[in-house]
């Protein structure tokens, strides 16, 4: 246990490291302990060992893409490890953020890394180690503008602020959707103003300007229990800007979470999310589900 000011941070060690959770009172209570123990048990239940011979992962399945730098792609995500602490945007809390669209992943491989060399912009395909376990995992698709609010990208956050934000978000998710940790958080990201830059005209990125895109926040305990990536391409951002190609490589499938693959993903959605998608003239093939 670590005290930060008047707050208490409780650490629970697992086989892959340490998980921290903020305790609201001046000391840990029996309820805190039992809640943490139940969360640990649920996290343990979804843990699938990652073997080096990936062809032996017969139950694995690709679900999306992540854009990052070479070291993170190969030394961390490919090894099945969780995202390292950084000051990069984490609007729904600390974790690995992925998308169903390789164009978006290419953009994020560059964002904040513009001064790096071409080989620092990598796109990787994201896999779950066991698709059956993935199907059973709680997932919630929340509205962009609702009770659960994203943290502004441009505001620095201390560890304590991140912990409190995650604690509050977990409680709201449980209250609104009946989903306990571990859960996956899905949403529609607002359009990036950068997409309208004239330099993107005629490129894959320019084709999606003014459109919201799908994102998924994979929190650390889930990432190192159930995920790994396979790096696909260096200089991904340069590839995306090559307007001679007009589109991404055929092998880089757009997974279309909102219309094609979520029927059997155990995704809970509220009427607020559906109404928001309707206002944006988007299709979301889900029905609102009562949390009970």
C-alpha atoms as a PDB file:
ATOM      1  CA  UNK A   1       0.000   0.000   0.000  1.00  0.00           C
ATOM      2  CA  UNK A   2       1.189   3.500  -0.866  1.00  0.00           C
ATOM      3  CA  UNK A   3      -0.250   6.708   0.551  1.00  0.00           C
ATOM      4  CA  UNK A   4      -0.416   9.728  -1.760  1.00  0.00           C
ATOM      5  CA  UNK A   5      -1.545  12.726   0.270  1.00  0.00           C
ATOM      6  CA  UNK A   6      -4.756  11.592   1.943  1.00  0.00           C
ATOM      7  CA  UNK A   7      -5.375   8.847  -0.603  1.00  0.00           C
ATOM      8  CA  UNK A   8      -4.391   5.211  -0.399  1.00  0.00           C
ATOM      9  CA  UNK A   9      -3.202   3.231  -3.403  1.00  0.00           C
ATOM     10  CA  UNK A  10      -3.429  -0.549  -3.026  1.00  0.00           C
ATOM     11  CA  UNK A  11      -1.190  -2.770  -5.138  1.00  0.00           C
ATOM     12  CA  UNK A  12      -2.096  -6.342  -6.030  1.00  0.00           C
ATOM     13  CA  UNK A  13       0.700  -8.455  -7.472  1.00  0.00           C
ATOM     14  CA  UNK A  14      -0.102 -10.865 -10.288  1.00  0.00           C
ATOM     15  CA  UNK A  15       2.102 -13.116 -12.379  1.00  0.00           C
ATOM     16  CA  UNK A  16       2.708 -10.271 -14.836  1.00  0.00           C
ATOM     17  CA  UNK A  17       3.281  -7.364 -12.503  1.00  0.00           C
ATOM     18  CA  UNK A  18       1.442  -5.065 -10.136  1.00  0.00           C
ATOM     19  CA  UNK A  19      -2.080  -3.702 -10.425  1.00  0.00           C
ATOM     20  CA  UNK A  20      -2.951  -0.522  -8.557  1.00  0.00           C
ATOM     21  CA  UNK A  21      -6.358   0.566  -7.348  1.00  0.00           C
ATOM     22  CA  UNK A  22      -7.328   3.698  -5.455  1.00  0.00           C
ATOM     23  CA  UNK A  23      -9.053   3.230  -2.090  1.00  0.00           C
ATOM     24  CA  UNK A  24     -11.486   6.019  -1.227  1.00  0.00           C
ATOM     25  CA  UNK A  25     -11.230   5.891   2.560  1.00  0.00           C
ATOM     26  CA  UNK A  26      -8.290   6.667   4.871  1.00  0.00           C
ATOM     27  CA  UNK A  27      -7.505   2.952   5.124  1.00  0.00           C
ATOM     28  CA  UNK A  28      -8.409  -0.279   3.387  1.00  0.00           C
ATOM     29  CA  UNK A  29     -11.699  -1.798   4.511  1.00  0.00           C
ATOM     30  CA  UNK A  30     -12.953  -5.351   4.312  1.00  0.00           C
ATOM     31  CA  UNK A  31     -15.232  -4.302   1.438  1.00  0.00           C
ATOM     32  CA  UNK A  32     -12.221  -2.865  -0.417  1.00  0.00           C
ATOM     33  CA  UNK A  33     -10.320  -6.091   0.114  1.00  0.00           C
ATOM     34  CA  UNK A  34     -13.165  -8.342  -1.032  1.00  0.00           C
ATOM     35  CA  UNK A  35     -13.891  -6.173  -4.077  1.00  0.00           C
ATOM     36  CA  UNK A  36     -10.234  -6.299  -5.054  1.00  0.00           C
ATOM     37  CA  UNK A  37     -10.143 -10.054  -4.549  1.00  0.00           C
ATOM     38  CA  UNK A  38     -13.186 -10.583  -6.767  1.00  0.00           C
ATOM     39  CA  UNK A  39     -11.659  -8.382  -9.469  1.00  0.00           C
ATOM     40  CA  UNK A  40      -8.423 -10.363  -9.262  1.00  0.00           C
ATOM     41  CA  UNK A  41     -10.358 -13.618  -9.671  1.00  0.00           C
ATOM     42  CA  UNK A  42     -12.182 -12.316 -12.744  1.00  0.00           C
ATOM     43  CA  UNK A  43      -8.898 -11.081 -14.232  1.00  0.00           C
ATOM     44  CA  UNK A  44      -7.296 -14.466 -13.609  1.00  0.00           C
ATOM     45  CA  UNK A  45     -10.192 -16.243 -15.299  1.00  0.00           C
ATOM     46  CA  UNK A  46      -9.523 -14.546 -18.651  1.00  0.00           C
ATOM     47  CA  UNK A  47      -5.754 -15.064 -18.603  1.00  0.00           C
ATOM     48  CA  UNK A  48      -4.489 -17.093 -21.560  1.00  0.00           C
ATOM     49  CA  UNK A  49      -0.725 -17.829 -21.684  1.00  0.00           C
ATOM     50  CA  UNK A  50       1.050 -16.533 -24.781  1.00  0.00           C
ATOM     51  CA  UNK A  51       3.423 -18.984 -26.447  1.00  0.00           C
ATOM     52  CA  UNK A  52       6.314 -17.912 -28.667  1.00  0.00           C
ATOM     53  CA  UNK A  53       5.184 -20.164 -31.511  1.00  0.00           C
ATOM     54  CA  UNK A  54       2.180 -18.087 -32.520  1.00  0.00           C
ATOM     55  CA  UNK A  55       0.946 -20.736 -34.960  1.00  0.00           C
ATOM     56  CA  UNK A  56       0.091 -22.783 -31.862  1.00  0.00           C
ATOM     57  CA  UNK A  57      -2.386 -20.105 -30.748  1.00  0.00           C
ATOM     58  CA  UNK A  58      -5.169 -21.902 -32.600  1.00  0.00           C
ATOM     59  CA  UNK A  59      -7.988 -20.034 -30.862  1.00  0.00           C
ATOM     60  CA  UNK A  60      -6.542 -16.589 -31.571  1.00  0.00           C
ATOM     61  CA  UNK A  61      -8.294 -14.129 -33.837  1.00  0.00           C
ATOM     62  CA  UNK A  62      -7.479 -10.680 -35.204  1.00  0.00           C
ATOM     63  CA  UNK A  63      -9.903  -7.933 -34.170  1.00  0.00           C
ATOM     64  CA  UNK A  64      -8.242  -4.616 -35.053  1.00  0.00           C
ATOM     65  CA  UNK A  65      -5.119  -2.465 -35.356  1.00  0.00           C
ATOM     66  CA  UNK A  66      -2.853  -0.292 -33.258  1.00  0.00           C
ATOM     67  CA  UNK A  67      -0.428   2.370 -34.453  1.00  0.00           C
ATOM     68  CA  UNK A  68       2.699   2.939 -32.408  1.00  0.00           C
ATOM     69  CA  UNK A  69       6.501   3.088 -32.554  1.00  0.00           C
ATOM     70  CA  UNK A  70       8.803   0.195 -33.380  1.00  0.00           C
ATOM     71  CA  UNK A  71      10.013  -0.501 -29.833  1.00  0.00           C
ATOM     72  CA  UNK A  72       6.498  -0.587 -28.414  1.00  0.00           C
ATOM     73  CA  UNK A  73       5.277  -2.788 -31.258  1.00  0.00           C
ATOM     74  CA  UNK A  74       8.043  -5.397 -30.987  1.00  0.00           C
ATOM     75  CA  UNK A  75       9.344  -5.236 -27.428  1.00  0.00           C
ATOM     76  CA  UNK A  76       6.046  -4.763 -25.616  1.00  0.00           C
ATOM     77  CA  UNK A  77       2.855  -5.509 -27.536  1.00  0.00           C
ATOM     78  CA  UNK A  78       4.261  -8.383 -29.609  1.00  0.00           C
ATOM     79  CA  UNK A  79       5.452  -9.935 -26.329  1.00  0.00           C
ATOM     80  CA  UNK A  80       1.932  -9.748 -24.914  1.00  0.00           C
ATOM     81  CA  UNK A  81       2.844  -7.061 -22.382  1.00  0.00           C
ATOM     82  CA  UNK A  82       0.796  -4.082 -21.306  1.00  0.00           C
ATOM     83  CA  UNK A  83       1.233  -0.515 -22.475  1.00  0.00           C
ATOM     84  CA  UNK A  84       3.906   1.366 -20.587  1.00  0.00           C
ATOM     85  CA  UNK A  85       3.104   4.474 -18.608  1.00  0.00           C
ATOM     86  CA  UNK A  86       3.425   7.559 -20.804  1.00  0.00           C
ATOM     87  CA  UNK A  87       2.070  11.063 -21.291  1.00  0.00           C
ATOM     88  CA  UNK A  88       0.296  10.138 -24.516  1.00  0.00           C
ATOM     89  CA  UNK A  89      -3.482  10.771 -24.649  1.00  0.00           C
ATOM     90  CA  UNK A  90      -5.587   8.322 -22.624  1.00  0.00           C
ATOM     91  CA  UNK A  91      -9.046   9.800 -22.692  1.00  0.00           C
ATOM     92  CA  UNK A  92     -10.844   6.800 -21.204  1.00  0.00           C
ATOM     93  CA  UNK A  93      -8.029   5.834 -18.844  1.00  0.00           C
ATOM     94  CA  UNK A  94      -4.629   4.201 -19.198  1.00  0.00           C
ATOM     95  CA  UNK A  95      -4.496   1.321 -21.648  1.00  0.00           C
ATOM     96  CA  UNK A  96      -3.887   0.280 -25.246  1.00  0.00           C
ATOM     97  CA  UNK A  97      -6.183   2.067 -27.692  1.00  0.00           C
ATOM     98  CA  UNK A  98      -7.015   0.219 -30.874  1.00  0.00           C
ATOM     99  CA  UNK A  99      -9.266   0.746 -33.886  1.00  0.00           C
ATOM    100  CA  UNK A 100     -10.967  -1.360 -36.539  1.00  0.00           C
ATOM    101  CA  UNK A 101      -9.640   0.829 -39.378  1.00  0.00           C
ATOM    102  CA  UNK A 102      -5.989   0.511 -40.512  1.00  0.00           C
ATOM    103  CA  UNK A 103      -6.063   4.104 -41.801  1.00  0.00           C
ATOM    104  CA  UNK A 104      -6.752   5.403 -38.295  1.00  0.00           C
ATOM    105  CA  UNK A 105      -4.028   3.169 -36.851  1.00  0.00           C
ATOM    106  CA  UNK A 106      -1.556   4.590 -39.366  1.00  0.00           C
ATOM    107  CA  UNK A 107      -2.437   8.109 -38.283  1.00  0.00           C
ATOM    108  CA  UNK A 108      -1.867   7.303 -34.617  1.00  0.00           C
ATOM    109  CA  UNK A 109       1.457   5.693 -35.434  1.00  0.00           C
ATOM    110  CA  UNK A 110       2.573   9.181 -36.432  1.00  0.00           C
ATOM    111  CA  UNK A 111       0.710  11.352 -33.890  1.00  0.00           C
ATOM    112  CA  UNK A 112       3.232  12.751 -31.423  1.00  0.00           C
ATOM    113  CA  UNK A 113       6.078  11.063 -33.278  1.00  0.00           C
ATOM    114  CA  UNK A 114       6.450  13.476 -36.181  1.00  0.00           C
ATOM    115  CA  UNK A 115      10.095  14.144 -35.349  1.00  0.00           C
ATOM    116  CA  UNK A 116      10.982  10.452 -35.436  1.00  0.00           C
ATOM    117  CA  UNK A 117      12.412   8.541 -38.364  1.00  0.00           C
ATOM    118  CA  UNK A 118      10.219   6.681 -40.820  1.00  0.00           C
ATOM    119  CA  UNK A 119      10.888   3.347 -39.126  1.00  0.00           C
ATOM    120  CA  UNK A 120       9.269   4.652 -35.932  1.00  0.00           C
ATOM    121  CA  UNK A 121       5.774   4.620 -37.424  1.00  0.00           C
ATOM    122  CA  UNK A 122       4.442   1.084 -37.144  1.00  0.00           C
ATOM    123  CA  UNK A 123       1.027  -0.437 -37.628  1.00  0.00           C
ATOM    124  CA  UNK A 124       0.278  -3.781 -35.983  1.00  0.00           C
ATOM    125  CA  UNK A 125      -2.640  -6.167 -36.202  1.00  0.00           C
ATOM    126  CA  UNK A 126      -4.181  -6.848 -32.799  1.00  0.00           C
ATOM    127  CA  UNK A 127      -5.109 -10.388 -31.752  1.00  0.00           C
ATOM    128  CA  UNK A 128      -7.039 -11.908 -28.876  1.00  0.00           C
ATOM    129  CA  UNK A 129      -5.402 -15.133 -27.704  1.00  0.00           C
ATOM    130  CA  UNK A 130      -8.685 -17.005 -27.310  1.00  0.00           C
ATOM    131  CA  UNK A 131     -11.729 -15.809 -29.210  1.00  0.00           C
ATOM    132  CA  UNK A 132     -14.171 -17.704 -26.996  1.00  0.00           C
ATOM    133  CA  UNK A 133     -12.830 -15.967 -23.896  1.00  0.00           C
ATOM    134  CA  UNK A 134     -12.990 -12.678 -25.776  1.00  0.00           C
ATOM    135  CA  UNK A 135     -16.648 -13.242 -26.634  1.00  0.00           C
ATOM    136  CA  UNK A 136     -17.528 -13.766 -22.976  1.00  0.00           C
ATOM    137  CA  UNK A 137     -15.680 -10.676 -21.754  1.00  0.00           C
ATOM    138  CA  UNK A 138     -17.825  -7.690 -20.758  1.00  0.00           C
ATOM    139  CA  UNK A 139     -17.851  -4.862 -23.311  1.00  0.00           C
ATOM    140  CA  UNK A 140     -19.699  -1.559 -23.207  1.00  0.00           C
ATOM    141  CA  UNK A 141     -20.168   0.918 -26.049  1.00  0.00           C
ATOM    142  CA  UNK A 142     -20.604   4.331 -24.498  1.00  0.00           C
ATOM    143  CA  UNK A 143     -21.690   7.623 -26.084  1.00  0.00           C
ATOM    144  CA  UNK A 144     -19.096  10.296 -26.747  1.00  0.00           C
ATOM    145  CA  UNK A 145     -21.176  12.841 -24.868  1.00  0.00           C
ATOM    146  CA  UNK A 146     -22.833  11.240 -21.894  1.00  0.00           C
ATOM    147  CA  UNK A 147     -22.570  10.690 -18.161  1.00  0.00           C
ATOM    148  CA  UNK A 148     -19.153   9.077 -18.604  1.00  0.00           C
ATOM    149  CA  UNK A 149     -16.937  11.829 -19.953  1.00  0.00           C
ATOM    150  CA  UNK A 150     -13.526  11.487 -21.615  1.00  0.00           C
ATOM    151  CA  UNK A 151     -10.534  13.248 -20.137  1.00  0.00           C
ATOM    152  CA  UNK A 152      -9.226  16.138 -22.287  1.00  0.00           C
ATOM    153  CA  UNK A 153      -6.072  15.151 -24.164  1.00  0.00           C
ATOM    154  CA  UNK A 154      -4.307  18.399 -23.395  1.00  0.00           C
ATOM    155  CA  UNK A 155      -4.655  18.254 -19.622  1.00  0.00           C
ATOM    156  CA  UNK A 156      -1.746  16.668 -17.715  1.00  0.00           C
ATOM    157  CA  UNK A 157      -2.878  14.038 -15.253  1.00  0.00           C
ATOM    158  CA  UNK A 158      -1.153  12.782 -12.147  1.00  0.00           C
ATOM    159  CA  UNK A 159      -1.233   9.105 -11.191  1.00  0.00           C
ATOM    160  CA  UNK A 160      -3.752   9.974  -8.508  1.00  0.00           C
ATOM    161  CA  UNK A 161      -6.019  11.792 -10.959  1.00  0.00           C
ATOM    162  CA  UNK A 162      -5.865   8.853 -13.356  1.00  0.00           C
ATOM    163  CA  UNK A 163      -6.663   6.426 -10.531  1.00  0.00           C
ATOM    164  CA  UNK A 164      -9.635   8.485  -9.337  1.00  0.00           C
ATOM    165  CA  UNK A 165     -10.939   8.883 -12.873  1.00  0.00           C
ATOM    166  CA  UNK A 166     -10.732   5.126 -13.418  1.00  0.00           C
ATOM    167  CA  UNK A 167     -12.445   4.428 -10.087  1.00  0.00           C
ATOM    168  CA  UNK A 168     -15.317   6.785 -10.948  1.00  0.00           C
ATOM    169  CA  UNK A 169     -15.609   5.345 -14.458  1.00  0.00           C
ATOM    170  CA  UNK A 170     -15.713   1.766 -13.176  1.00  0.00           C
ATOM    171  CA  UNK A 171     -18.548   2.652 -10.813  1.00  0.00           C
ATOM    172  CA  UNK A 172     -20.523   4.354 -13.581  1.00  0.00           C
ATOM    173  CA  UNK A 173     -20.019   1.416 -15.934  1.00  0.00           C
ATOM    174  CA  UNK A 174     -21.303  -0.952 -13.263  1.00  0.00           C
ATOM    175  CA  UNK A 175     -24.261   1.301 -12.473  1.00  0.00           C
ATOM    176  CA  UNK A 176     -25.316   1.977 -16.072  1.00  0.00           C
ATOM    177  CA  UNK A 177     -24.440  -1.311 -17.771  1.00  0.00           C
ATOM    178  CA  UNK A 178     -24.121  -3.857 -14.978  1.00  0.00           C
ATOM    179  CA  UNK A 179     -20.574  -4.656 -16.129  1.00  0.00           C
ATOM    180  CA  UNK A 180     -17.844  -5.255 -13.568  1.00  0.00           C
ATOM    181  CA  UNK A 181     -14.103  -5.206 -14.228  1.00  0.00           C
ATOM    182  CA  UNK A 182     -12.575  -6.514 -16.370  1.00  0.00           C
ATOM    183  CA  UNK A 183     -14.436  -4.854 -19.220  1.00  0.00           C
ATOM    184  CA  UNK A 184     -13.658  -3.405 -22.642  1.00  0.00           C
ATOM    185  CA  UNK A 185     -14.726   0.166 -23.364  1.00  0.00           C
ATOM    186  CA  UNK A 186     -15.800   1.033 -26.922  1.00  0.00           C
ATOM    187  CA  UNK A 187     -16.815   4.374 -28.384  1.00  0.00           C
ATOM    188  CA  UNK A 188     -16.978   6.609 -31.442  1.00  0.00           C
ATOM    189  CA  UNK A 189     -14.098   9.095 -31.428  1.00  0.00           C
ATOM    190  CA  UNK A 190     -14.920  12.617 -32.562  1.00  0.00           C
ATOM    191  CA  UNK A 191     -13.436  13.567 -35.975  1.00  0.00           C
ATOM    192  CA  UNK A 192      -9.826  14.707 -35.815  1.00  0.00           C
ATOM    193  CA  UNK A 193      -9.436  18.228 -37.193  1.00  0.00           C
ATOM    194  CA  UNK A 194      -6.080  17.193 -38.623  1.00  0.00           C
ATOM    195  CA  UNK A 195      -7.861  14.940 -41.130  1.00  0.00           C
ATOM    196  CA  UNK A 196      -9.065  18.036 -43.002  1.00  0.00           C
ATOM    197  CA  UNK A 197      -5.513  19.251 -43.637  1.00  0.00           C
ATOM    198  CA  UNK A 198      -4.995  19.767 -47.410  1.00  0.00           C
ATOM    199  CA  UNK A 199      -1.916  17.507 -47.326  1.00  0.00           C
ATOM    200  CA  UNK A 200      -4.270  14.547 -46.834  1.00  0.00           C
ATOM    201  CA  UNK A 201      -6.415  15.330 -49.877  1.00  0.00           C
ATOM    202  CA  UNK A 202      -6.627  12.267 -52.117  1.00  0.00           C
ATOM    203  CA  UNK A 203      -5.108   9.968 -49.490  1.00  0.00           C
ATOM    204  CA  UNK A 204      -6.888   7.293 -47.430  1.00  0.00           C
ATOM    205  CA  UNK A 205      -6.964   9.681 -44.461  1.00  0.00           C
ATOM    206  CA  UNK A 206      -8.485  12.499 -46.493  1.00  0.00           C
ATOM    207  CA  UNK A 207     -11.343  10.189 -47.424  1.00  0.00           C
ATOM    208  CA  UNK A 208     -12.560   9.973 -43.825  1.00  0.00           C
ATOM    209  CA  UNK A 209     -12.355  13.611 -42.779  1.00  0.00           C
ATOM    210  CA  UNK A 210     -15.331  14.868 -40.752  1.00  0.00           C
ATOM    211  CA  UNK A 211     -16.224  11.284 -39.817  1.00  0.00           C
ATOM    212  CA  UNK A 212     -16.187   9.720 -36.376  1.00  0.00           C
ATOM    213  CA  UNK A 213     -14.252   6.493 -36.024  1.00  0.00           C
ATOM    214  CA  UNK A 214     -14.412   3.424 -33.817  1.00  0.00           C
ATOM    215  CA  UNK A 215     -12.013   3.035 -30.919  1.00  0.00           C
ATOM    216  CA  UNK A 216     -11.537   0.519 -28.143  1.00  0.00           C
ATOM    217  CA  UNK A 217      -9.778   1.020 -24.807  1.00  0.00           C
ATOM    218  CA  UNK A 218      -8.078  -2.139 -23.556  1.00  0.00           C
ATOM    219  CA  UNK A 219      -7.077  -1.693 -19.944  1.00  0.00           C
ATOM    220  CA  UNK A 220      -3.759  -3.115 -18.660  1.00  0.00           C
ATOM    221  CA  UNK A 221      -5.071  -6.149 -16.773  1.00  0.00           C
ATOM    222  CA  UNK A 222      -6.896  -7.289 -19.906  1.00  0.00           C
ATOM    223  CA  UNK A 223      -4.111  -6.448 -22.323  1.00  0.00           C
ATOM    224  CA  UNK A 224      -1.464  -8.661 -20.737  1.00  0.00           C
ATOM    225  CA  UNK A 225      -3.999 -11.414 -20.043  1.00  0.00           C
ATOM    226  CA  UNK A 226      -5.587 -11.789 -23.464  1.00  0.00           C
ATOM    227  CA  UNK A 227      -3.840  -9.796 -26.206  1.00  0.00           C
ATOM    228  CA  UNK A 228      -0.812  -9.664 -28.469  1.00  0.00           C
ATOM    229  CA  UNK A 229       0.015  -7.923 -31.750  1.00  0.00           C
ATOM    230  CA  UNK A 230       1.815  -8.793 -34.968  1.00  0.00           C
ATOM    231  CA  UNK A 231       3.670  -5.803 -36.489  1.00  0.00           C
ATOM    232  CA  UNK A 232       2.835  -5.315 -40.169  1.00  0.00           C
ATOM    233  CA  UNK A 233       4.618  -2.313 -41.602  1.00  0.00           C
ATOM    234  CA  UNK A 234       7.215   0.324 -40.878  1.00  0.00           C
ATOM    235  CA  UNK A 235       6.737   3.878 -42.157  1.00  0.00           C
ATOM    236  CA  UNK A 236       2.991   3.313 -41.932  1.00  0.00           C
ATOM    237  CA  UNK A 237       2.291   7.037 -41.984  1.00  0.00           C
ATOM    238  CA  UNK A 238       4.219   7.457 -45.222  1.00  0.00           C
ATOM    239  CA  UNK A 239       2.233   4.606 -46.748  1.00  0.00           C
ATOM    240  CA  UNK A 240      -0.995   6.272 -45.742  1.00  0.00           C
ATOM    241  CA  UNK A 241       0.024   9.534 -47.420  1.00  0.00           C
ATOM    242  CA  UNK A 242       0.908   7.856 -50.713  1.00  0.00           C
ATOM    243  CA  UNK A 243      -1.957   9.205 -52.808  1.00  0.00           C
ATOM    244  CA  UNK A 244      -0.872   7.058 -55.722  1.00  0.00           C
ATOM    245  CA  UNK A 245      -2.399   4.073 -53.909  1.00  0.00           C
ATOM    246  CA  UNK A 246      -5.634   5.751 -52.812  1.00  0.00           C
ATOM    247  CA  UNK A 247      -6.346   2.948 -50.372  1.00  0.00           C
ATOM    248  CA  UNK A 248      -4.646   0.672 -47.892  1.00  0.00           C
ATOM    249  CA  UNK A 249      -3.248  -2.766 -48.836  1.00  0.00           C
ATOM    250  CA  UNK A 250      -5.973  -5.351 -49.464  1.00  0.00           C
ATOM    251  CA  UNK A 251      -4.678  -7.522 -46.628  1.00  0.00           C
ATOM    252  CA  UNK A 252      -5.337  -4.697 -44.171  1.00  0.00           C
ATOM    253  CA  UNK A 253      -8.979  -5.485 -43.605  1.00  0.00           C
ATOM    254  CA  UNK A 254     -11.297  -2.878 -42.114  1.00  0.00           C
ATOM    255  CA  UNK A 255     -13.132  -4.829 -39.403  1.00  0.00           C
ATOM    256  CA  UNK A 256     -16.193  -2.546 -39.049  1.00  0.00           C
ATOM    257  CA  UNK A 257     -16.963  -3.279 -35.409  1.00  0.00           C
ATOM    258  CA  UNK A 258     -20.172  -1.249 -35.555  1.00  0.00           C
ATOM    259  CA  UNK A 259     -21.820  -3.251 -38.335  1.00  0.00           C
ATOM    260  CA  UNK A 260     -20.053  -6.535 -39.046  1.00  0.00           C
ATOM    261  CA  UNK A 261     -18.605  -8.312 -36.032  1.00  0.00           C
ATOM    262  CA  UNK A 262     -20.254  -7.266 -32.802  1.00  0.00           C
ATOM    263  CA  UNK A 263     -23.327  -9.491 -32.827  1.00  0.00           C
ATOM    264  CA  UNK A 264     -21.535 -12.155 -30.785  1.00  0.00           C
ATOM    265  CA  UNK A 265     -19.193  -9.902 -28.815  1.00  0.00           C
ATOM    266  CA  UNK A 266     -21.331  -9.465 -25.693  1.00  0.00           C
ATOM    267  CA  UNK A 267     -21.454  -5.673 -26.150  1.00  0.00           C
ATOM    268  CA  UNK A 268     -23.816  -3.691 -23.940  1.00  0.00           C
ATOM    269  CA  UNK A 269     -25.108  -0.394 -25.275  1.00  0.00           C
ATOM    270  CA  UNK A 270     -27.519   2.235 -23.989  1.00  0.00           C
ATOM    271  CA  UNK A 271     -30.212   4.144 -25.839  1.00  0.00           C
ATOM    272  CA  UNK A 272     -28.016   7.234 -25.455  1.00  0.00           C
ATOM    273  CA  UNK A 273     -25.331   5.589 -27.589  1.00  0.00           C
ATOM    274  CA  UNK A 274     -27.822   4.492 -30.242  1.00  0.00           C
ATOM    275  CA  UNK A 275     -29.442   7.940 -30.338  1.00  0.00           C
ATOM    276  CA  UNK A 276     -26.047   9.611 -30.699  1.00  0.00           C
ATOM    277  CA  UNK A 277     -25.135   7.357 -33.629  1.00  0.00           C
ATOM    278  CA  UNK A 278     -28.492   8.087 -35.241  1.00  0.00           C
ATOM    279  CA  UNK A 279     -27.881  11.837 -34.987  1.00  0.00           C
ATOM    280  CA  UNK A 280     -24.549  11.344 -36.750  1.00  0.00           C
ATOM    281  CA  UNK A 281     -26.220   9.162 -39.425  1.00  0.00           C
ATOM    282  CA  UNK A 282     -24.160   6.160 -38.337  1.00  0.00           C
ATOM    283  CA  UNK A 283     -25.218   2.532 -38.195  1.00  0.00           C
ATOM    284  CA  UNK A 284     -24.698   0.603 -34.977  1.00  0.00           C
ATOM    285  CA  UNK A 285     -26.031  -2.946 -35.171  1.00  0.00           C
ATOM    286  CA  UNK A 286     -26.864  -3.270 -31.500  1.00  0.00           C
ATOM    287  CA  UNK A 287     -29.978  -3.032 -29.387  1.00  0.00           C
ATOM    288  CA  UNK A 288     -30.059  -1.357 -26.004  1.00  0.00           C
ATOM    289  CA  UNK A 289     -29.755  -3.996 -23.300  1.00  0.00           C
ATOM    290  CA  UNK A 290     -31.081  -3.730 -19.775  1.00  0.00           C
ATOM    291  CA  UNK A 291     -28.171  -4.076 -17.368  1.00  0.00           C
ATOM    292  CA  UNK A 292     -29.966  -6.883 -15.554  1.00  0.00           C
END
